[in-house]
C-alpha cells in the first residue's frame, strides 16, 4: 500500500473517530498509526498532547521516545524512556528501548573516534538489559546483551548470552555472532 493510501486509511479509520469522539485511546491509536506510516511530526504532537492530558501514563512517554528514536534523536528518546521508567520501575520495554538507544549512541561515538564516551554508553546499555535479565521478563534481549558484552570486551559473558539467545530462538541463526565471539576467546597464535 503506498503512502497516500496509508494516509487515507489512517484518516478514515482513526482520525475521523478521534475528531468525533475525542478520547485518549483513539488518540493513542492514531499516534501509533502515524508513527507506523512515517508521519513523525504528527505522531509526536499526539503523544505530547496525551502526556499533557495525563502525564502519569508511562506508555505515552515510551511512544514519544519511539518517535524520537525513529527520527534518530536518540538523546531525546532516552530522556522519554527514562521518564517512562520513573513512572513504572518494572516497564521492561522502556529499559530495552533505552538500552538499545544507548548502544546506538555508543556505536556513533566509535565511528566518531570518541572512545571516552563509548564505554559509558555501552555500560548504560548493559545495565538496562541486566534489569530485564534480573527480573526474568519473558522478552528476547539476550543477543542485545551479548552485543553489549562484546563492546565491553567481556567475551565470556558475550558467549553466555549468545548461547541463551540461541536456546531461546532456535529459528534464528546466531552462528555467525557466536563464531565472532569465540574467535576473541581463542588464544592468539
C-alpha atoms as a PDB file:
ATOM      1  CA  UNK A   1       0.000   0.000   0.000  1.00  0.00           C
ATOM      2  CA  UNK A   2       1.510   3.328  -0.982  1.00  0.00           C
ATOM      3  CA  UNK A   3       1.819   6.202   1.450  1.00  0.00           C
ATOM      4  CA  UNK A   4      -1.246   8.084   0.152  1.00  0.00           C
ATOM      5  CA  UNK A   5      -3.450   5.043   0.669  1.00  0.00           C
ATOM      6  CA  UNK A   6      -1.992   4.547   4.147  1.00  0.00           C
ATOM      7  CA  UNK A   7      -2.729   8.156   4.985  1.00  0.00           C
ATOM      8  CA  UNK A   8      -6.277   7.812   3.676  1.00  0.00           C
ATOM      9  CA  UNK A   9      -6.848   4.668   5.745  1.00  0.00           C
ATOM     10  CA  UNK A  10      -5.416   6.412   8.801  1.00  0.00           C
ATOM     11  CA  UNK A  11      -7.713   9.365   8.187  1.00  0.00           C
ATOM     12  CA  UNK A  12     -10.890   7.326   7.726  1.00  0.00           C
ATOM     13  CA  UNK A  13     -10.389   4.772  10.472  1.00  0.00           C
ATOM     14  CA  UNK A  14      -8.517   6.736  13.085  1.00  0.00           C
ATOM     15  CA  UNK A  15      -8.631  10.476  12.585  1.00  0.00           C
ATOM     16  CA  UNK A  16     -12.376  10.870  11.985  1.00  0.00           C
ATOM     17  CA  UNK A  17     -13.385   8.892  15.101  1.00  0.00           C
ATOM     18  CA  UNK A  18     -10.948  10.963  17.140  1.00  0.00           C
ATOM     19  CA  UNK A  19     -12.445  14.205  15.885  1.00  0.00           C
ATOM     20  CA  UNK A  20     -15.939  12.909  16.578  1.00  0.00           C
ATOM     21  CA  UNK A  21     -15.339  11.036  19.847  1.00  0.00           C
ATOM     22  CA  UNK A  22     -12.051  12.531  21.088  1.00  0.00           C
ATOM     23  CA  UNK A  23     -10.831  10.032  23.673  1.00  0.00           C
ATOM     24  CA  UNK A  24      -7.344   9.020  24.778  1.00  0.00           C
ATOM     25  CA  UNK A  25      -7.476   5.503  23.335  1.00  0.00           C
ATOM     26  CA  UNK A  26      -8.372   6.723  19.850  1.00  0.00           C
ATOM     27  CA  UNK A  27      -5.720   9.426  20.075  1.00  0.00           C
ATOM     28  CA  UNK A  28      -3.081   6.889  21.087  1.00  0.00           C
ATOM     29  CA  UNK A  29      -4.108   4.546  18.263  1.00  0.00           C
ATOM     30  CA  UNK A  30      -3.844   7.395  15.778  1.00  0.00           C
ATOM     31  CA  UNK A  31      -0.402   8.308  17.103  1.00  0.00           C
ATOM     32  CA  UNK A  32       0.764   4.715  16.671  1.00  0.00           C
ATOM     33  CA  UNK A  33      -0.592   4.531  13.118  1.00  0.00           C
ATOM     34  CA  UNK A  34       1.026   7.848  12.219  1.00  0.00           C
ATOM     35  CA  UNK A  35       4.324   6.632  13.656  1.00  0.00           C
ATOM     36  CA  UNK A  36       3.983   3.408  11.679  1.00  0.00           C
ATOM     37  CA  UNK A  37       3.445   5.211   8.375  1.00  0.00           C
ATOM     38  CA  UNK A  38       6.283   7.652   8.999  1.00  0.00           C
ATOM     39  CA  UNK A  39       4.302  10.741   9.929  1.00  0.00           C
ATOM     40  CA  UNK A  40       6.636  11.533  12.811  1.00  0.00           C
ATOM     41  CA  UNK A  41       5.755  15.170  13.396  1.00  0.00           C
ATOM     42  CA  UNK A  42       2.054  14.407  13.704  1.00  0.00           C
ATOM     43  CA  UNK A  43       2.698  11.363  15.907  1.00  0.00           C
ATOM     44  CA  UNK A  44       4.967  13.434  18.150  1.00  0.00           C
ATOM     45  CA  UNK A  45       2.271  16.086  18.596  1.00  0.00           C
ATOM     46  CA  UNK A  46      -0.324  13.474  19.505  1.00  0.00           C
ATOM     47  CA  UNK A  47       1.883  11.833  22.133  1.00  0.00           C
ATOM     48  CA  UNK A  48       2.759  15.245  23.567  1.00  0.00           C
ATOM     49  CA  UNK A  49      -0.955  16.018  23.768  1.00  0.00           C
ATOM     50  CA  UNK A  50      -1.592  12.691  25.509  1.00  0.00           C
ATOM     51  CA  UNK A  51       1.146  13.450  28.032  1.00  0.00           C
ATOM     52  CA  UNK A  52      -0.483  16.830  28.622  1.00  0.00           C
ATOM     53  CA  UNK A  53      -3.835  15.129  29.230  1.00  0.00           C
ATOM     54  CA  UNK A  54      -2.392  12.522  31.582  1.00  0.00           C
ATOM     55  CA  UNK A  55       1.298  12.871  32.479  1.00  0.00           C
ATOM     56  CA  UNK A  56       1.264   9.717  34.634  1.00  0.00           C
ATOM     57  CA  UNK A  57       0.859   7.138  31.860  1.00  0.00           C
ATOM     58  CA  UNK A  58       4.251   5.634  31.105  1.00  0.00           C
ATOM     59  CA  UNK A  59       3.376   4.224  27.672  1.00  0.00           C
ATOM     60  CA  UNK A  60       2.809   7.750  26.325  1.00  0.00           C
ATOM     61  CA  UNK A  61       6.446   8.532  27.155  1.00  0.00           C
ATOM     62  CA  UNK A  62       7.515   5.216  25.620  1.00  0.00           C
ATOM     63  CA  UNK A  63       5.641   6.060  22.424  1.00  0.00           C
ATOM     64  CA  UNK A  64       7.079   9.568  22.304  1.00  0.00           C
ATOM     65  CA  UNK A  65      10.516   8.032  22.829  1.00  0.00           C
ATOM     66  CA  UNK A  66       9.811   5.713  19.903  1.00  0.00           C
ATOM     67  CA  UNK A  67       9.029   8.733  17.725  1.00  0.00           C
ATOM     68  CA  UNK A  68      12.347  10.354  18.642  1.00  0.00           C
ATOM     69  CA  UNK A  69      14.144   7.047  18.108  1.00  0.00           C
ATOM     70  CA  UNK A  70      12.644   6.639  14.638  1.00  0.00           C
ATOM     71  CA  UNK A  71      13.981  10.046  13.557  1.00  0.00           C
ATOM     72  CA  UNK A  72      17.414   9.440  15.060  1.00  0.00           C
ATOM     73  CA  UNK A  73      17.083  11.774  18.058  1.00  0.00           C
ATOM     74  CA  UNK A  74      18.494   9.201  20.464  1.00  0.00           C
ATOM     75  CA  UNK A  75      19.167  11.540  23.406  1.00  0.00           C
ATOM     76  CA  UNK A  76      15.555  12.729  23.395  1.00  0.00           C
ATOM     77  CA  UNK A  77      14.371   9.136  23.066  1.00  0.00           C
ATOM     78  CA  UNK A  78      16.471   8.123  26.087  1.00  0.00           C
ATOM     79  CA  UNK A  79      15.020  11.034  28.060  1.00  0.00           C
ATOM     80  CA  UNK A  80      11.458   9.860  27.331  1.00  0.00           C
ATOM     81  CA  UNK A  81      12.249   6.199  28.082  1.00  0.00           C
ATOM     82  CA  UNK A  82      13.802   7.315  31.379  1.00  0.00           C
ATOM     83  CA  UNK A  83      10.608   9.210  32.228  1.00  0.00           C
ATOM     84  CA  UNK A  84       8.564   6.081  31.479  1.00  0.00           C
ATOM     85  CA  UNK A  85      10.849   4.095  33.801  1.00  0.00           C
ATOM     86  CA  UNK A  86      10.500   6.745  36.511  1.00  0.00           C
ATOM     87  CA  UNK A  87       6.736   6.231  36.355  1.00  0.00           C
ATOM     88  CA  UNK A  88       6.959   2.425  36.292  1.00  0.00           C
ATOM     89  CA  UNK A  89      10.172   0.812  37.528  1.00  0.00           C
ATOM     90  CA  UNK A  90       9.091  -2.531  36.004  1.00  0.00           C
ATOM     91  CA  UNK A  91       8.477  -1.223  32.463  1.00  0.00           C
ATOM     92  CA  UNK A  92      10.836  -3.574  30.662  1.00  0.00           C
ATOM     93  CA  UNK A  93      10.101  -2.205  27.175  1.00  0.00           C
ATOM     94  CA  UNK A  94      11.352   1.195  28.272  1.00  0.00           C
ATOM     95  CA  UNK A  95      14.525  -0.399  29.683  1.00  0.00           C
ATOM     96  CA  UNK A  96      15.018  -2.339  26.455  1.00  0.00           C
ATOM     97  CA  UNK A  97      14.490   0.683  24.221  1.00  0.00           C
ATOM     98  CA  UNK A  98      16.689   2.897  26.380  1.00  0.00           C
ATOM     99  CA  UNK A  99      19.382   0.216  26.312  1.00  0.00           C
ATOM    100  CA  UNK A 100      19.161  -0.019  22.530  1.00  0.00           C
ATOM    101  CA  UNK A 101      19.454   3.751  22.157  1.00  0.00           C
ATOM    102  CA  UNK A 102      22.468   3.926  24.467  1.00  0.00           C
ATOM    103  CA  UNK A 103      24.023   1.116  22.431  1.00  0.00           C
ATOM    104  CA  UNK A 104      23.401   3.031  19.196  1.00  0.00           C
ATOM    105  CA  UNK A 105      24.882   6.189  20.706  1.00  0.00           C
ATOM    106  CA  UNK A 106      27.940   4.132  21.677  1.00  0.00           C
ATOM    107  CA  UNK A 107      28.256   2.947  18.077  1.00  0.00           C
ATOM    108  CA  UNK A 108      28.061   6.559  16.884  1.00  0.00           C
ATOM    109  CA  UNK A 109      30.842   7.540  19.307  1.00  0.00           C
ATOM    110  CA  UNK A 110      33.023   4.706  17.979  1.00  0.00           C
ATOM    111  CA  UNK A 111      32.500   5.938  14.416  1.00  0.00           C
ATOM    112  CA  UNK A 112      33.432   9.457  15.529  1.00  0.00           C
ATOM    113  CA  UNK A 113      36.532   8.103  17.244  1.00  0.00           C
ATOM    114  CA  UNK A 114      35.358   9.316  20.662  1.00  0.00           C
ATOM    115  CA  UNK A 115      36.170   6.298  22.792  1.00  0.00           C
ATOM    116  CA  UNK A 116      35.817   8.134  26.107  1.00  0.00           C
ATOM    117  CA  UNK A 117      32.009   8.173  25.898  1.00  0.00           C
ATOM    118  CA  UNK A 118      31.658   4.858  24.104  1.00  0.00           C
ATOM    119  CA  UNK A 119      32.352   2.607  27.112  1.00  0.00           C
ATOM    120  CA  UNK A 120      29.984   4.562  29.355  1.00  0.00           C
ATOM    121  CA  UNK A 121      27.185   4.264  26.798  1.00  0.00           C
ATOM    122  CA  UNK A 122      27.702   0.524  26.339  1.00  0.00           C
ATOM    123  CA  UNK A 123      27.713   0.079  30.134  1.00  0.00           C
ATOM    124  CA  UNK A 124      24.454   2.034  30.401  1.00  0.00           C
ATOM    125  CA  UNK A 125      23.018  -0.182  27.697  1.00  0.00           C
ATOM    126  CA  UNK A 126      24.148  -3.292  29.535  1.00  0.00           C
ATOM    127  CA  UNK A 127      22.626  -2.075  32.814  1.00  0.00           C
ATOM    128  CA  UNK A 128      19.227  -1.736  31.153  1.00  0.00           C
ATOM    129  CA  UNK A 129      19.482  -5.232  29.667  1.00  0.00           C
ATOM    130  CA  UNK A 130      20.594  -6.600  33.061  1.00  0.00           C
ATOM    131  CA  UNK A 131      17.441  -5.178  34.635  1.00  0.00           C
ATOM    132  CA  UNK A 132      15.384  -7.251  32.203  1.00  0.00           C
ATOM    133  CA  UNK A 133      17.580 -10.295  32.858  1.00  0.00           C
ATOM    134  CA  UNK A 134      17.424  -9.972  36.660  1.00  0.00           C
ATOM    135  CA  UNK A 135      13.645  -9.683  36.639  1.00  0.00           C
ATOM    136  CA  UNK A 136      13.085 -12.691  34.365  1.00  0.00           C
ATOM    137  CA  UNK A 137      10.858 -10.837  31.932  1.00  0.00           C
ATOM    138  CA  UNK A 138       9.779 -13.036  29.038  1.00  0.00           C
ATOM    139  CA  UNK A 139      11.461 -10.957  26.401  1.00  0.00           C
ATOM    140  CA  UNK A 140      14.142 -11.526  23.786  1.00  0.00           C
ATOM    141  CA  UNK A 141      17.103  -9.415  24.822  1.00  0.00           C
ATOM    142  CA  UNK A 142      19.900 -11.990  25.049  1.00  0.00           C
ATOM    143  CA  UNK A 143      21.501 -11.141  21.711  1.00  0.00           C
ATOM    144  CA  UNK A 144      21.482  -7.462  22.708  1.00  0.00           C
ATOM    145  CA  UNK A 145      23.278  -8.311  25.948  1.00  0.00           C
ATOM    146  CA  UNK A 146      25.805 -10.386  24.011  1.00  0.00           C
ATOM    147  CA  UNK A 147      26.471  -7.381  21.775  1.00  0.00           C
ATOM    148  CA  UNK A 148      26.951  -5.049  24.733  1.00  0.00           C
ATOM    149  CA  UNK A 149      29.330  -7.512  26.438  1.00  0.00           C
ATOM    150  CA  UNK A 150      31.270  -7.763  23.156  1.00  0.00           C
ATOM    151  CA  UNK A 151      31.659  -4.000  23.003  1.00  0.00           C
ATOM    152  CA  UNK A 152      32.978  -4.053  26.567  1.00  0.00           C
ATOM    153  CA  UNK A 153      35.434  -6.875  25.715  1.00  0.00           C
ATOM    154  CA  UNK A 154      33.705  -9.253  28.132  1.00  0.00           C
ATOM    155  CA  UNK A 155      33.755 -12.174  25.723  1.00  0.00           C
ATOM    156  CA  UNK A 156      32.910 -14.959  28.217  1.00  0.00           C
ATOM    157  CA  UNK A 157      29.695 -13.149  29.143  1.00  0.00           C
ATOM    158  CA  UNK A 158      29.010 -12.402  25.471  1.00  0.00           C
ATOM    159  CA  UNK A 159      29.259 -16.121  24.684  1.00  0.00           C
ATOM    160  CA  UNK A 160      26.977 -16.965  27.612  1.00  0.00           C
ATOM    161  CA  UNK A 161      24.281 -14.625  26.318  1.00  0.00           C
ATOM    162  CA  UNK A 162      24.564 -15.557  22.656  1.00  0.00           C
ATOM    163  CA  UNK A 163      24.084 -19.182  23.752  1.00  0.00           C
ATOM    164  CA  UNK A 164      20.969 -18.093  25.676  1.00  0.00           C
ATOM    165  CA  UNK A 165      19.730 -16.319  22.539  1.00  0.00           C
ATOM    166  CA  UNK A 166      20.286 -19.493  20.506  1.00  0.00           C
ATOM    167  CA  UNK A 167      18.415 -21.569  23.089  1.00  0.00           C
ATOM    168  CA  UNK A 168      15.520 -19.112  23.266  1.00  0.00           C
ATOM    169  CA  UNK A 169      15.254 -18.611  19.499  1.00  0.00           C
ATOM    170  CA  UNK A 170      16.486 -21.733  17.715  1.00  0.00           C
ATOM    171  CA  UNK A 171      14.841 -20.498  14.498  1.00  0.00           C
ATOM    172  CA  UNK A 172      17.211 -17.500  14.345  1.00  0.00           C
ATOM    173  CA  UNK A 173      20.698 -18.178  13.059  1.00  0.00           C
ATOM    174  CA  UNK A 174      23.148 -16.683  15.542  1.00  0.00           C
ATOM    175  CA  UNK A 175      26.021 -18.922  14.399  1.00  0.00           C
ATOM    176  CA  UNK A 176      27.942 -16.032  12.837  1.00  0.00           C
ATOM    177  CA  UNK A 177      27.653 -14.000  16.040  1.00  0.00           C
ATOM    178  CA  UNK A 178      28.798 -16.994  18.064  1.00  0.00           C
ATOM    179  CA  UNK A 179      31.805 -17.564  15.777  1.00  0.00           C
ATOM    180  CA  UNK A 180      32.919 -13.955  16.189  1.00  0.00           C
ATOM    181  CA  UNK A 181      32.654 -14.152  19.972  1.00  0.00           C
ATOM    182  CA  UNK A 182      34.505 -17.473  20.068  1.00  0.00           C
ATOM    183  CA  UNK A 183      37.289 -16.035  17.900  1.00  0.00           C
ATOM    184  CA  UNK A 184      38.004 -13.482  20.639  1.00  0.00           C
ATOM    185  CA  UNK A 185      38.150 -16.230  23.246  1.00  0.00           C
ATOM    186  CA  UNK A 186      40.719 -18.321  21.362  1.00  0.00           C
ATOM    187  CA  UNK A 187      44.315 -17.612  22.316  1.00  0.00           C
ATOM    188  CA  UNK A 188      46.158 -15.851  19.526  1.00  0.00           C
ATOM    189  CA  UNK A 189      48.855 -17.896  17.847  1.00  0.00           C
END
